[in-house]
Structure formats: structure tokens, C-alpha cells
Amino acid sequence: MMTYLIAWFVLAYGFTNIMVYGSIFAGMRKRIELIGNSHIPGIAPIFSFISGILSCMMCCSTWVGFFLGLFIFSPSYYFLGASPFVSWFFDGLMASGAVWAINSVIEWFEENRPAK
């Protein structure tokens, strides 16, 4: 049972990491940012919001958690017994916290690498 939760956290981290830092989405992120910086009424604010989400591990992981909770597996429903109608919301919060923790540990190790 705990392996499901750990696998879900790693899946959320991997998905978020690819969306925020992955080169495969670099072109898409750049285009979204350009449209967000344009002054097209009604469209620019939406793309600016999406660009902000795609530049932040904590923000993006919240939305990844919503997606994973709705379509893949809902730890909030399965482990905590949350209502199926709101469990996706708690999955987003859980994914954000888990991804933040994993990312913080990885960043700490990256900053404290021994010099060659």
C-alpha cells in the first residue's frame, strides 16, 4: 500500500520536473510565455497564468496532482477516505508538498556537491 503512495509521489515529481525543466517542453514553455507577454485582450492573461505555473515546481505540481488524482490514482480517496468529489483537490495539495520536499532534497545535494 505504501509503495503506491511512494510511486505516486515519484510519478508526480517526474511529471512536474519534465514540464518545468525538461527540454522537450522548452519550445512550448517559450511560446506560452511569448503569448502571455503579448497584449492580446482575454488571451494574454490566461497564457501568463499558465506560463507562471510552468515555471514553478510547487505550482505545476499542484496541477499535476489534480490530473493524477482525477485520471490515474487518488491517494486521498484511497488512503484518507476523502469524498471522490473533493479528493482530487487534496491530491493536488499532496503532490505539491511531496514534489517540494523531493525537489528541496535534490537541490540541497546539487548545491553541496564536492568541488572537483
PDB file of N, CA and C in Angstrom:
ATOM      1  N   MET A   1       0.822  -1.197   0.000  1.00  0.00           N
ATOM      2  CA  MET A   1       0.000   0.000   0.000  1.00  0.00           C
ATOM      3  C   MET A   1       0.867   1.263   0.000  1.00  0.00           C
ATOM      4  N   MET A   2       1.908   1.244   0.808  1.00  0.00           N
ATOM      5  CA  MET A   2       2.779   2.407   0.873  1.00  0.00           C
ATOM      6  C   MET A   2       3.558   2.581  -0.429  1.00  0.00           C
ATOM      7  N   THR A   3       3.795   1.480  -1.128  1.00  0.00           N
ATOM      8  CA  THR A   3       4.514   1.580  -2.400  1.00  0.00           C
ATOM      9  C   THR A   3       3.690   2.358  -3.430  1.00  0.00           C
ATOM     10  N   TYR A   4       2.358   2.259  -3.376  1.00  0.00           N
ATOM     11  CA  TYR A   4       1.509   3.043  -4.263  1.00  0.00           C
ATOM     12  C   TYR A   4       1.736   4.536  -4.024  1.00  0.00           C
ATOM     13  N   LEU A   5       1.776   4.912  -2.757  1.00  0.00           N
ATOM     14  CA  LEU A   5       1.948   6.315  -2.404  1.00  0.00           C
ATOM     15  C   LEU A   5       3.322   6.822  -2.834  1.00  0.00           C
ATOM     16  N   ILE A   6       4.355   6.053  -2.577  1.00  0.00           N
ATOM     17  CA  ILE A   6       5.708   6.455  -2.974  1.00  0.00           C
ATOM     18  C   ILE A   6       5.805   6.536  -4.498  1.00  0.00           C
ATOM     19  N   ALA A   7       5.235   5.559  -5.190  1.00  0.00           N
ATOM     20  CA  ALA A   7       5.248   5.578  -6.657  1.00  0.00           C
ATOM     21  C   ALA A   7       4.484   6.796  -7.180  1.00  0.00           C
ATOM     22  N   TRP A   8       3.384   7.142  -6.546  1.00  0.00           N
ATOM     23  CA  TRP A   8       2.594   8.306  -6.955  1.00  0.00           C
ATOM     24  C   TRP A   8       3.397   9.588  -6.761  1.00  0.00           C
ATOM     25  N   PHE A   9       4.117   9.687  -5.636  1.00  0.00           N
ATOM     26  CA  PHE A   9       4.959  10.861  -5.390  1.00  0.00           C
ATOM     27  C   PHE A   9       6.062  10.973  -6.434  1.00  0.00           C
ATOM     28  N   VAL A  10       6.716   9.853  -6.748  1.00  0.00           N
ATOM     29  CA  VAL A  10       7.789   9.864  -7.747  1.00  0.00           C
ATOM     30  C   VAL A  10       7.219  10.198  -9.126  1.00  0.00           C
ATOM     31  N   LEU A  11       6.049   9.667  -9.446  1.00  0.00           N
ATOM     32  CA  LEU A  11       5.396   9.982 -10.711  1.00  0.00           C
ATOM     33  C   LEU A  11       5.080  11.470 -10.787  1.00  0.00           C
ATOM     34  N   ALA A  12       4.540  12.031  -9.720  1.00  0.00           N
ATOM     35  CA  ALA A  12       4.225  13.461  -9.693  1.00  0.00           C
ATOM     36  C   ALA A  12       5.498  14.291  -9.839  1.00  0.00           C
ATOM     37  N   TYR A  13       6.578  13.877  -9.161  1.00  0.00           N
ATOM     38  CA  TYR A  13       7.838  14.613  -9.277  1.00  0.00           C
ATOM     39  C   TYR A  13       8.384  14.539 -10.704  1.00  0.00           C
ATOM     40  N   GLY A  14       8.396  13.358 -11.277  1.00  0.00           N
ATOM     41  CA  GLY A  14       8.924  13.199 -12.630  1.00  0.00           C
ATOM     42  C   GLY A  14       8.134  13.999 -13.645  1.00  0.00           C
ATOM     43  N   PHE A  15       6.824  13.921 -13.557  1.00  0.00           N
ATOM     44  CA  PHE A  15       5.951  14.647 -14.476  1.00  0.00           C
ATOM     45  C   PHE A  15       6.198  16.150 -14.353  1.00  0.00           C
ATOM     46  N   THR A  16       6.244  16.640 -13.117  1.00  0.00           N
ATOM     47  CA  THR A  16       6.454  18.064 -12.877  1.00  0.00           C
ATOM     48  C   THR A  16       7.837  18.501 -13.330  1.00  0.00           C
ATOM     49  N   ASN A  17       8.853  17.709 -13.020  1.00  0.00           N
ATOM     50  CA  ASN A  17      10.219  18.049 -13.390  1.00  0.00           C
ATOM     51  C   ASN A  17      10.368  18.169 -14.903  1.00  0.00           C
ATOM     52  N   ILE A  18       9.751  17.261 -15.638  1.00  0.00           N
ATOM     53  CA  ILE A  18       9.815  17.319 -17.096  1.00  0.00           C
ATOM     54  C   ILE A  18       9.090  18.563 -17.616  1.00  0.00           C
ATOM     55  N   MET A  19       7.946  18.877 -17.042  1.00  0.00           N
ATOM     56  CA  MET A  19       7.191  20.036 -17.522  1.00  0.00           C
ATOM     57  C   MET A  19       7.895  21.354 -17.207  1.00  0.00           C
ATOM     58  N   VAL A  20       8.559  21.454 -16.047  1.00  0.00           N
ATOM     59  CA  VAL A  20       9.191  22.713 -15.651  1.00  0.00           C
ATOM     60  C   VAL A  20      10.595  22.859 -16.237  1.00  0.00           C
ATOM     61  N   TYR A  21      11.383  21.777 -16.228  1.00  0.00           N
ATOM     62  CA  TYR A  21      12.780  21.871 -16.639  1.00  0.00           C
ATOM     63  C   TYR A  21      13.125  21.110 -17.918  1.00  0.00           C
ATOM     64  N   GLY A  22      12.280  20.218 -18.372  1.00  0.00           N
ATOM     65  CA  GLY A  22      12.614  19.350 -19.493  1.00  0.00           C
ATOM     66  C   GLY A  22      12.758  20.090 -20.806  1.00  0.00           C
ATOM     67  N   SER A  23      13.759  19.693 -21.569  1.00  0.00           N
ATOM     68  CA  SER A  23      13.983  20.346 -22.866  1.00  0.00           C
ATOM     69  C   SER A  23      12.884  20.003 -23.864  1.00  0.00           C
ATOM     70  N   ILE A  24      12.203  18.893 -23.658  1.00  0.00           N
ATOM     71  CA  ILE A  24      11.141  18.500 -24.579  1.00  0.00           C
ATOM     72  C   ILE A  24       9.983  19.512 -24.571  1.00  0.00           C
ATOM     73  N   PHE A  25       9.782  20.187 -23.452  1.00  0.00           N
ATOM     74  CA  PHE A  25       8.716  21.193 -23.346  1.00  0.00           C
ATOM     75  C   PHE A  25       9.239  22.617 -23.425  1.00  0.00           C
ATOM     76  N   ALA A  26      10.524  22.811 -23.714  1.00  0.00           N
ATOM     77  CA  ALA A  26      11.113  24.153 -23.741  1.00  0.00           C
ATOM     78  C   ALA A  26      10.442  25.039 -24.783  1.00  0.00           C
ATOM     79  N   GLY A  27      10.213  24.507 -25.983  1.00  0.00           N
ATOM     80  CA  GLY A  27       9.552  25.290 -27.028  1.00  0.00           C
ATOM     81  C   GLY A  27       8.137  25.691 -26.649  1.00  0.00           C
ATOM     82  N   MET A  28       7.412  24.755 -26.073  1.00  0.00           N
ATOM     83  CA  MET A  28       6.045  25.044 -25.655  1.00  0.00           C
ATOM     84  C   MET A  28       6.032  26.108 -24.558  1.00  0.00           C
ATOM     85  N   ARG A  29       6.943  25.978 -23.577  1.00  0.00           N
ATOM     86  CA  ARG A  29       7.016  26.972 -22.495  1.00  0.00           C
ATOM     87  C   ARG A  29       7.335  28.355 -23.044  1.00  0.00           C
ATOM     88  N   LYS A  30       8.252  28.420 -24.010  1.00  0.00           N
ATOM     89  CA  LYS A  30       8.646  29.703 -24.600  1.00  0.00           C
ATOM     90  C   LYS A  30       7.481  30.334 -25.353  1.00  0.00           C
ATOM     91  N   ARG A  31       6.751  29.535 -26.139  1.00  0.00           N
ATOM     92  CA  ARG A  31       5.597  30.064 -26.882  1.00  0.00           C
ATOM     93  C   ARG A  31       4.501  30.557 -25.940  1.00  0.00           C
ATOM     94  N   ILE A  32       4.263  29.788 -24.883  1.00  0.00           N
ATOM     95  CA  ILE A  32       3.249  30.208 -23.907  1.00  0.00           C
ATOM     96  C   ILE A  32       3.666  31.509 -23.240  1.00  0.00           C
ATOM     97  N   GLU A  33       4.950  31.637 -22.929  1.00  0.00           N
ATOM     98  CA  GLU A  33       5.448  32.872 -22.315  1.00  0.00           C
ATOM     99  C   GLU A  33       5.316  34.057 -23.273  1.00  0.00           C
ATOM    100  N   LEU A  34       5.629  33.850 -24.555  1.00  0.00           N
ATOM    101  CA  LEU A  34       5.507  34.926 -25.543  1.00  0.00           C
ATOM    102  C   LEU A  34       4.057  35.391 -25.688  1.00  0.00           C
ATOM    103  N   ILE A  35       3.144  34.452 -25.751  1.00  0.00           N
ATOM    104  CA  ILE A  35       1.722  34.828 -25.857  1.00  0.00           C
ATOM    105  C   ILE A  35       1.275  35.506 -24.566  1.00  0.00           C
ATOM    106  N   GLY A  36       1.774  35.044 -23.433  1.00  0.00           N
ATOM    107  CA  GLY A  36       1.437  35.677 -22.159  1.00  0.00           C
ATOM    108  C   GLY A  36       1.952  37.085 -22.049  1.00  0.00           C
ATOM    109  N   ASN A  37       3.097  37.371 -22.688  1.00  0.00           N
ATOM    110  CA  ASN A  37       3.660  38.722 -22.655  1.00  0.00           C
ATOM    111  C   ASN A  37       3.082  39.633 -23.729  1.00  0.00           C
ATOM    112  N   SER A  38       2.303  39.071 -24.646  1.00  0.00           N
ATOM    113  CA  SER A  38       1.639  39.905 -25.650  1.00  0.00           C
ATOM    114  C   SER A  38       0.511  40.667 -24.959  1.00  0.00           C
ATOM    115  N   HIS A  39      -0.044  41.583 -25.670  1.00  0.00           N
ATOM    116  CA  HIS A  39      -1.131  42.381 -25.072  1.00  0.00           C
ATOM    117  C   HIS A  39      -2.467  42.062 -25.732  1.00  0.00           C
ATOM    118  N   ILE A  40      -2.663  40.785 -26.030  1.00  0.00           N
ATOM    119  CA  ILE A  40      -3.926  40.361 -26.640  1.00  0.00           C
ATOM    120  C   ILE A  40      -4.976  40.258 -25.542  1.00  0.00           C
ATOM    121  N   PRO A  41      -6.027  41.055 -25.636  1.00  0.00           N
ATOM    122  CA  PRO A  41      -7.040  41.032 -24.573  1.00  0.00           C
ATOM    123  C   PRO A  41      -7.703  39.663 -24.444  1.00  0.00           C
ATOM    124  N   GLY A  42      -7.846  39.210 -23.230  1.00  0.00           N
ATOM    125  CA  GLY A  42      -8.521  37.950 -22.949  1.00  0.00           C
ATOM    126  C   GLY A  42      -7.640  36.732 -23.053  1.00  0.00           C
ATOM    127  N   ILE A  43      -6.649  36.763 -23.935  1.00  0.00           N
ATOM    128  CA  ILE A  43      -5.786  35.600 -24.131  1.00  0.00           C
ATOM    129  C   ILE A  43      -4.491  35.726 -23.328  1.00  0.00           C
ATOM    130  N   ALA A  44      -3.891  36.919 -23.349  1.00  0.00           N
ATOM    131  CA  ALA A  44      -2.603  37.128 -22.678  1.00  0.00           C
ATOM    132  C   ALA A  44      -2.655  36.787 -21.183  1.00  0.00           C
ATOM    133  N   PRO A  45      -3.683  37.191 -20.441  1.00  0.00           N
ATOM    134  CA  PRO A  45      -3.699  36.843 -19.010  1.00  0.00           C
ATOM    135  C   PRO A  45      -3.749  35.339 -18.749  1.00  0.00           C
ATOM    136  N   ILE A  46      -4.453  34.605 -19.586  1.00  0.00           N
ATOM    137  CA  ILE A  46      -4.550  33.153 -19.416  1.00  0.00           C
ATOM    138  C   ILE A  46      -3.194  32.506 -19.665  1.00  0.00           C
ATOM    139  N   PHE A  47      -2.533  32.916 -20.738  1.00  0.00           N
ATOM    140  CA  PHE A  47      -1.226  32.354 -21.054  1.00  0.00           C
ATOM    141  C   PHE A  47      -0.158  32.805 -20.063  1.00  0.00           C
ATOM    142  N   SER A  48      -0.309  33.998 -19.532  1.00  0.00           N
ATOM    143  CA  SER A  48       0.607  34.465 -18.498  1.00  0.00           C
ATOM    144  C   SER A  48       0.460  33.605 -17.231  1.00  0.00           C
ATOM    145  N   PHE A  49      -0.774  33.258 -16.900  1.00  0.00           N
ATOM    146  CA  PHE A  49      -1.042  32.379 -15.759  1.00  0.00           C
ATOM    147  C   PHE A  49      -0.423  31.006 -15.983  1.00  0.00           C
ATOM    148  N   ILE A  50      -0.620  30.449 -17.167  1.00  0.00           N
ATOM    149  CA  ILE A  50      -0.066  29.132 -17.485  1.00  0.00           C
ATOM    150  C   ILE A  50       1.460  29.177 -17.491  1.00  0.00           C
ATOM    151  N   SER A  51       2.027  30.264 -18.003  1.00  0.00           N
ATOM    152  CA  SER A  51       3.484  30.427 -18.006  1.00  0.00           C
ATOM    153  C   SER A  51       4.022  30.452 -16.576  1.00  0.00           C
ATOM    154  N   GLY A  52       3.316  31.117 -15.689  1.00  0.00           N
ATOM    155  CA  GLY A  52       3.719  31.134 -14.282  1.00  0.00           C
ATOM    156  C   GLY A  52       3.679  29.753 -13.664  1.00  0.00           C
ATOM    157  N   ILE A  53       2.664  28.989 -13.997  1.00  0.00           N
ATOM    158  CA  ILE A  53       2.552  27.621 -13.481  1.00  0.00           C
ATOM    159  C   ILE A  53       3.709  26.768 -13.977  1.00  0.00           C
ATOM    160  N   LEU A  54       4.057  26.910 -15.257  1.00  0.00           N
ATOM    161  CA  LEU A  54       5.105  26.081 -15.853  1.00  0.00           C
ATOM    162  C   LEU A  54       6.518  26.503 -15.464  1.00  0.00           C
ATOM    163  N   SER A  55       6.642  27.564 -14.692  1.00  0.00           N
ATOM    164  CA  SER A  55       7.973  27.990 -14.254  1.00  0.00           C
ATOM    165  C   SER A  55       8.196  27.733 -12.767  1.00  0.00           C
ATOM    166  N   CYS A  56       7.253  27.097 -12.118  1.00  0.00           N
ATOM    167  CA  CYS A  56       7.320  26.909 -10.662  1.00  0.00           C
ATOM    168  C   CYS A  56       7.043  25.445 -10.317  1.00  0.00           C
ATOM    169  N   MET A  57       7.991  24.806  -9.649  1.00  0.00           N
ATOM    170  CA  MET A  57       7.810  23.388  -9.287  1.00  0.00           C
ATOM    171  C   MET A  57       6.586  23.188  -8.385  1.00  0.00           C
ATOM    172  N   MET A  58       6.401  24.080  -7.417  1.00  0.00           N
ATOM    173  CA  MET A  58       5.291  23.916  -6.482  1.00  0.00           C
ATOM    174  C   MET A  58       3.944  24.157  -7.170  1.00  0.00           C
ATOM    175  N   CYS A  59       3.890  25.154  -8.027  1.00  0.00           N
ATOM    176  CA  CYS A  59       2.633  25.471  -8.727  1.00  0.00           C
ATOM    177  C   CYS A  59       2.257  24.378  -9.721  1.00  0.00           C
ATOM    178  N   CYS A  60       3.229  23.981 -10.517  1.00  0.00           N
ATOM    179  CA  CYS A  60       2.972  22.965 -11.538  1.00  0.00           C
ATOM    180  C   CYS A  60       2.600  21.631 -10.900  1.00  0.00           C
ATOM    181  N   SER A  61       3.259  21.289  -9.800  1.00  0.00           N
ATOM    182  CA  SER A  61       2.973  20.010  -9.149  1.00  0.00           C
ATOM    183  C   SER A  61       1.558  19.961  -8.578  1.00  0.00           C
ATOM    184  N   THR A  62       1.019  21.116  -8.203  1.00  0.00           N
ATOM    185  CA  THR A  62      -0.368  21.143  -7.729  1.00  0.00           C
ATOM    186  C   THR A  62      -1.304  20.703  -8.845  1.00  0.00           C
ATOM    187  N   TRP A  63      -1.103  21.252 -10.030  1.00  0.00           N
ATOM    188  CA  TRP A  63      -1.946  20.896 -11.169  1.00  0.00           C
ATOM    189  C   TRP A  63      -1.690  19.476 -11.637  1.00  0.00           C
ATOM    190  N   VAL A  64      -0.440  19.034 -11.551  1.00  0.00           N
ATOM    191  CA  VAL A  64      -0.121  17.642 -11.870  1.00  0.00           C
ATOM    192  C   VAL A  64      -0.848  16.719 -10.896  1.00  0.00           C
ATOM    193  N   GLY A  65      -0.886  17.092  -9.623  1.00  0.00           N
ATOM    194  CA  GLY A  65      -1.607  16.301  -8.620  1.00  0.00           C
ATOM    195  C   GLY A  65      -3.097  16.232  -8.912  1.00  0.00           C
ATOM    196  N   PHE A  66      -3.678  17.361  -9.343  1.00  0.00           N
ATOM    197  CA  PHE A  66      -5.087  17.350  -9.735  1.00  0.00           C
ATOM    198  C   PHE A  66      -5.304  16.325 -10.850  1.00  0.00           C
ATOM    199  N   PHE A  67      -4.443  16.395 -11.881  1.00  0.00           N
ATOM    200  CA  PHE A  67      -4.555  15.494 -13.029  1.00  0.00           C
ATOM    201  C   PHE A  67      -4.384  14.032 -12.614  1.00  0.00           C
ATOM    202  N   LEU A  68      -3.326  13.742 -11.860  1.00  0.00           N
ATOM    203  CA  LEU A  68      -3.077  12.357 -11.441  1.00  0.00           C
ATOM    204  C   LEU A  68      -4.205  11.829 -10.557  1.00  0.00           C
ATOM    205  N   GLY A  69      -4.711  12.678  -9.681  1.00  0.00           N
ATOM    206  CA  GLY A  69      -5.807  12.269  -8.807  1.00  0.00           C
ATOM    207  C   GLY A  69      -7.090  11.976  -9.559  1.00  0.00           C
ATOM    208  N   LEU A  70      -7.332  12.729 -10.621  1.00  0.00           N
ATOM    209  CA  LEU A  70      -8.552  12.521 -11.400  1.00  0.00           C
ATOM    210  C   LEU A  70      -8.453  11.332 -12.354  1.00  0.00           C
ATOM    211  N   PHE A  71      -7.276  11.137 -12.953  1.00  0.00           N
ATOM    212  CA  PHE A  71      -7.188  10.168 -14.042  1.00  0.00           C
ATOM    213  C   PHE A  71      -6.345   8.928 -13.766  1.00  0.00           C
ATOM    214  N   ILE A  72      -5.452   8.963 -12.805  1.00  0.00           N
ATOM    215  CA  ILE A  72      -4.553   7.830 -12.578  1.00  0.00           C
ATOM    216  C   ILE A  72      -4.886   7.105 -11.276  1.00  0.00           C
ATOM    217  N   PHE A  73      -4.697   7.802 -10.169  1.00  0.00           N
ATOM    218  CA  PHE A  73      -4.886   7.192  -8.852  1.00  0.00           C
ATOM    219  C   PHE A  73      -5.054   8.315  -7.844  1.00  0.00           C
ATOM    220  N   SER A  74      -5.961   8.164  -6.910  1.00  0.00           N
ATOM    221  CA  SER A  74      -6.212   9.193  -5.903  1.00  0.00           C
ATOM    222  C   SER A  74      -5.819   8.695  -4.518  1.00  0.00           C
ATOM    223  N   PRO A  75      -4.641   9.096  -4.030  1.00  0.00           N
ATOM    224  CA  PRO A  75      -4.244   8.678  -2.684  1.00  0.00           C
ATOM    225  C   PRO A  75      -5.165   9.224  -1.596  1.00  0.00           C
ATOM    226  N   SER A  76      -5.712  10.415  -1.802  1.00  0.00           N
ATOM    227  CA  SER A  76      -6.611  10.996  -0.799  1.00  0.00           C
ATOM    228  C   SER A  76      -7.876  10.164  -0.652  1.00  0.00           C
ATOM    229  N   TYR A  77      -8.370   9.665  -1.752  1.00  0.00           N
ATOM    230  CA  TYR A  77      -9.565   8.825  -1.704  1.00  0.00           C
ATOM    231  C   TYR A  77      -9.240   7.454  -1.129  1.00  0.00           C
ATOM    232  N   TYR A  78      -8.130   6.881  -1.594  1.00  0.00           N
ATOM    233  CA  TYR A  78      -7.772   5.515  -1.229  1.00  0.00           C
ATOM    234  C   TYR A  78      -7.289   5.410   0.219  1.00  0.00           C
ATOM    235  N   PHE A  79      -6.405   6.308   0.630  1.00  0.00           N
ATOM    236  CA  PHE A  79      -5.810   6.206   1.964  1.00  0.00           C
ATOM    237  C   PHE A  79      -6.558   6.994   3.035  1.00  0.00           C
ATOM    238  N   LEU A  80      -7.095   8.159   2.675  1.00  0.00           N
ATOM    239  CA  LEU A  80      -7.735   9.013   3.675  1.00  0.00           C
ATOM    240  C   LEU A  80      -9.250   8.916   3.670  1.00  0.00           C
ATOM    241  N   GLY A  81      -9.802   8.306   2.639  1.00  0.00           N
ATOM    242  CA  GLY A  81     -11.247   8.153   2.565  1.00  0.00           C
ATOM    243  C   GLY A  81     -11.975   9.439   2.226  1.00  0.00           C
ATOM    244  N   ALA A  82     -11.294  10.363   1.578  1.00  0.00           N
ATOM    245  CA  ALA A  82     -11.932  11.619   1.173  1.00  0.00           C
ATOM    246  C   ALA A  82     -12.998  11.335   0.123  1.00  0.00           C
ATOM    247  N   SER A  83     -13.958  12.201   0.051  1.00  0.00           N
ATOM    248  CA  SER A  83     -15.025  12.068  -0.938  1.00  0.00           C
ATOM    249  C   SER A  83     -14.431  12.093  -2.347  1.00  0.00           C
ATOM    250  N   PRO A  84     -14.946  11.283  -3.255  1.00  0.00           N
ATOM    251  CA  PRO A  84     -14.428  11.291  -4.621  1.00  0.00           C
ATOM    252  C   PRO A  84     -14.583  12.646  -5.314  1.00  0.00           C
ATOM    253  N   PHE A  85     -15.515  13.462  -4.823  1.00  0.00           N
ATOM    254  CA  PHE A  85     -15.760  14.762  -5.446  1.00  0.00           C
ATOM    255  C   PHE A  85     -14.729  15.811  -5.046  1.00  0.00           C
ATOM    256  N   VAL A  86     -14.044  15.612  -3.925  1.00  0.00           N
ATOM    257  CA  VAL A  86     -13.040  16.581  -3.473  1.00  0.00           C
ATOM    258  C   VAL A  86     -11.652  15.977  -3.323  1.00  0.00           C
ATOM    259  N   SER A  87     -11.520  14.675  -3.488  1.00  0.00           N
ATOM    260  CA  SER A  87     -10.218  14.042  -3.292  1.00  0.00           C
ATOM    261  C   SER A  87      -9.179  14.563  -4.273  1.00  0.00           C
ATOM    262  N   TRP A  88      -9.578  14.931  -5.483  1.00  0.00           N
ATOM    263  CA  TRP A  88      -8.641  15.471  -6.470  1.00  0.00           C
ATOM    264  C   TRP A  88      -7.981  16.740  -5.955  1.00  0.00           C
ATOM    265  N   PHE A  89      -8.737  17.559  -5.197  1.00  0.00           N
ATOM    266  CA  PHE A  89      -8.179  18.793  -4.643  1.00  0.00           C
ATOM    267  C   PHE A  89      -7.075  18.472  -3.632  1.00  0.00           C
ATOM    268  N   PHE A  90      -7.340  17.519  -2.750  1.00  0.00           N
ATOM    269  CA  PHE A  90      -6.336  17.129  -1.762  1.00  0.00           C
ATOM    270  C   PHE A  90      -5.152  16.417  -2.413  1.00  0.00           C
ATOM    271  N   ASP A  91      -5.399  15.736  -3.528  1.00  0.00           N
ATOM    272  CA  ASP A  91      -4.297  15.127  -4.270  1.00  0.00           C
ATOM    273  C   ASP A  91      -3.356  16.203  -4.810  1.00  0.00           C
ATOM    274  N   GLY A  92      -3.908  17.314  -5.262  1.00  0.00           N
ATOM    275  CA  GLY A  92      -3.083  18.426  -5.724  1.00  0.00           C
ATOM    276  C   GLY A  92      -2.220  18.988  -4.609  1.00  0.00           C
ATOM    277  N   LEU A  93      -2.814  19.144  -3.434  1.00  0.00           N
ATOM    278  CA  LEU A  93      -2.057  19.636  -2.286  1.00  0.00           C
ATOM    279  C   LEU A  93      -0.972  18.643  -1.878  1.00  0.00           C
ATOM    280  N   MET A  94      -1.318  17.376  -1.880  1.00  0.00           N
ATOM    281  CA  MET A  94      -0.363  16.334  -1.507  1.00  0.00           C
ATOM    282  C   MET A  94       0.792  16.268  -2.507  1.00  0.00           C
ATOM    283  N   ALA A  95       0.479  16.364  -3.784  1.00  0.00           N
ATOM    284  CA  ALA A  95       1.530  16.336  -4.809  1.00  0.00           C
ATOM    285  C   ALA A  95       2.447  17.540  -4.668  1.00  0.00           C
ATOM    286  N   SER A  96       1.878  18.698  -4.400  1.00  0.00           N
ATOM    287  CA  SER A  96       2.689  19.899  -4.244  1.00  0.00           C
ATOM    288  C   SER A  96       3.663  19.747  -3.080  1.00  0.00           C
ATOM    289  N   GLY A  97       3.189  19.262  -1.961  1.00  0.00           N
ATOM    290  CA  GLY A  97       4.060  19.065  -0.803  1.00  0.00           C
ATOM    291  C   GLY A  97       5.136  18.029  -1.047  1.00  0.00           C
ATOM    292  N   ALA A  98       4.759  16.922  -1.659  1.00  0.00           N
ATOM    293  CA  ALA A  98       5.730  15.850  -1.912  1.00  0.00           C
ATOM    294  C   ALA A  98       6.775  16.285  -2.927  1.00  0.00           C
ATOM    295  N   VAL A  99       6.351  16.938  -3.992  1.00  0.00           N
ATOM    296  CA  VAL A  99       7.292  17.391  -5.014  1.00  0.00           C
ATOM    297  C   VAL A  99       8.208  18.463  -4.443  1.00  0.00           C
ATOM    298  N   TRP A 100       7.671  19.356  -3.627  1.00  0.00           N
ATOM    299  CA  TRP A 100       8.510  20.376  -2.993  1.00  0.00           C
ATOM    300  C   TRP A 100       9.573  19.713  -2.127  1.00  0.00           C
ATOM    301  N   ALA A 101       9.184  18.709  -1.335  1.00  0.00           N
ATOM    302  CA  ALA A 101      10.146  18.021  -0.466  1.00  0.00           C
ATOM    303  C   ALA A 101      11.216  17.300  -1.278  1.00  0.00           C
ATOM    304  N   ILE A 102      10.821  16.565  -2.295  1.00  0.00           N
ATOM    305  CA  ILE A 102      11.784  15.851  -3.142  1.00  0.00           C
ATOM    306  C   ILE A 102      12.711  16.845  -3.835  1.00  0.00           C
ATOM    307  N   ASN A 103      12.145  17.912  -4.381  1.00  0.00           N
ATOM    308  CA  ASN A 103      12.944  18.913  -5.084  1.00  0.00           C
ATOM    309  C   ASN A 103      13.909  19.624  -4.138  1.00  0.00           C
ATOM    310  N   SER A 104      13.488  19.889  -2.919  1.00  0.00           N
ATOM    311  CA  SER A 104      14.365  20.543  -1.937  1.00  0.00           C
ATOM    312  C   SER A 104      15.571  19.672  -1.611  1.00  0.00           C
ATOM    313  N   VAL A 105      15.344  18.378  -1.440  1.00  0.00           N
ATOM    314  CA  VAL A 105      16.452  17.460  -1.148  1.00  0.00           C
ATOM    315  C   VAL A 105      17.412  17.408  -2.337  1.00  0.00           C
ATOM    316  N   ILE A 106      16.876  17.304  -3.540  1.00  0.00           N
ATOM    317  CA  ILE A 106      17.719  17.240  -4.731  1.00  0.00           C
ATOM    318  C   ILE A 106      18.511  18.539  -4.906  1.00  0.00           C
ATOM    319  N   GLU A 107      17.865  19.679  -4.706  1.00  0.00           N
ATOM    320  CA  GLU A 107      18.580  20.953  -4.817  1.00  0.00           C
ATOM    321  C   GLU A 107      19.667  21.083  -3.751  1.00  0.00           C
ATOM    322  N   TRP A 108      19.419  20.591  -2.547  1.00  0.00           N
ATOM    323  CA  TRP A 108      20.433  20.648  -1.496  1.00  0.00           C
ATOM    324  C   TRP A 108      21.664  19.860  -1.910  1.00  0.00           C
ATOM    325  N   PHE A 109      21.452  18.665  -2.457  1.00  0.00           N
ATOM    326  CA  PHE A 109      22.576  17.857  -2.904  1.00  0.00           C
ATOM    327  C   PHE A 109      23.302  18.509  -4.082  1.00  0.00           C
ATOM    328  N   GLU A 110      22.568  19.163  -4.971  1.00  0.00           N
ATOM    329  CA  GLU A 110      23.203  19.843  -6.096  1.00  0.00           C
ATOM    330  C   GLU A 110      24.066  21.011  -5.640  1.00  0.00           C
ATOM    331  N   GLU A 111      23.606  21.741  -4.630  1.00  0.00           N
ATOM    332  CA  GLU A 111      24.367  22.889  -4.120  1.00  0.00           C
ATOM    333  C   GLU A 111      25.540  22.470  -3.261  1.00  0.00           C
ATOM    334  N   ASN A 112      25.515  21.302  -2.664  1.00  0.00           N
ATOM    335  CA  ASN A 112      26.556  20.879  -1.743  1.00  0.00           C
ATOM    336  C   ASN A 112      27.417  19.744  -2.298  1.00  0.00           C
ATOM    337  N   ARG A 113      27.554  19.739  -3.618  1.00  0.00           N
ATOM    338  CA  ARG A 113      28.439  18.764  -4.252  1.00  0.00           C
ATOM    339  C   ARG A 113      29.883  19.125  -3.949  1.00  0.00           C
ATOM    340  N   PRO A 114      30.690  18.111  -3.716  1.00  0.00           N
ATOM    341  CA  PRO A 114      32.106  18.433  -3.501  1.00  0.00           C
ATOM    342  C   PRO A 114      32.742  18.975  -4.787  1.00  0.00           C
ATOM    343  N   ALA A 115      33.622  19.940  -4.617  1.00  0.00           N
ATOM    344  CA  ALA A 115      34.305  20.528  -5.776  1.00  0.00           C
ATOM    345  C   ALA A 115      35.331  19.528  -6.317  1.00  0.00           C
ATOM    346  N   LYS A 116      35.513  19.554  -7.633  1.00  0.00           N
ATOM    347  CA  LYS A 116      36.467  18.615  -8.249  1.00  0.00           C
ATOM    348  C   LYS A 116      37.875  19.121  -8.089  1.00  0.00           C
TER     349      LYS A 116
END
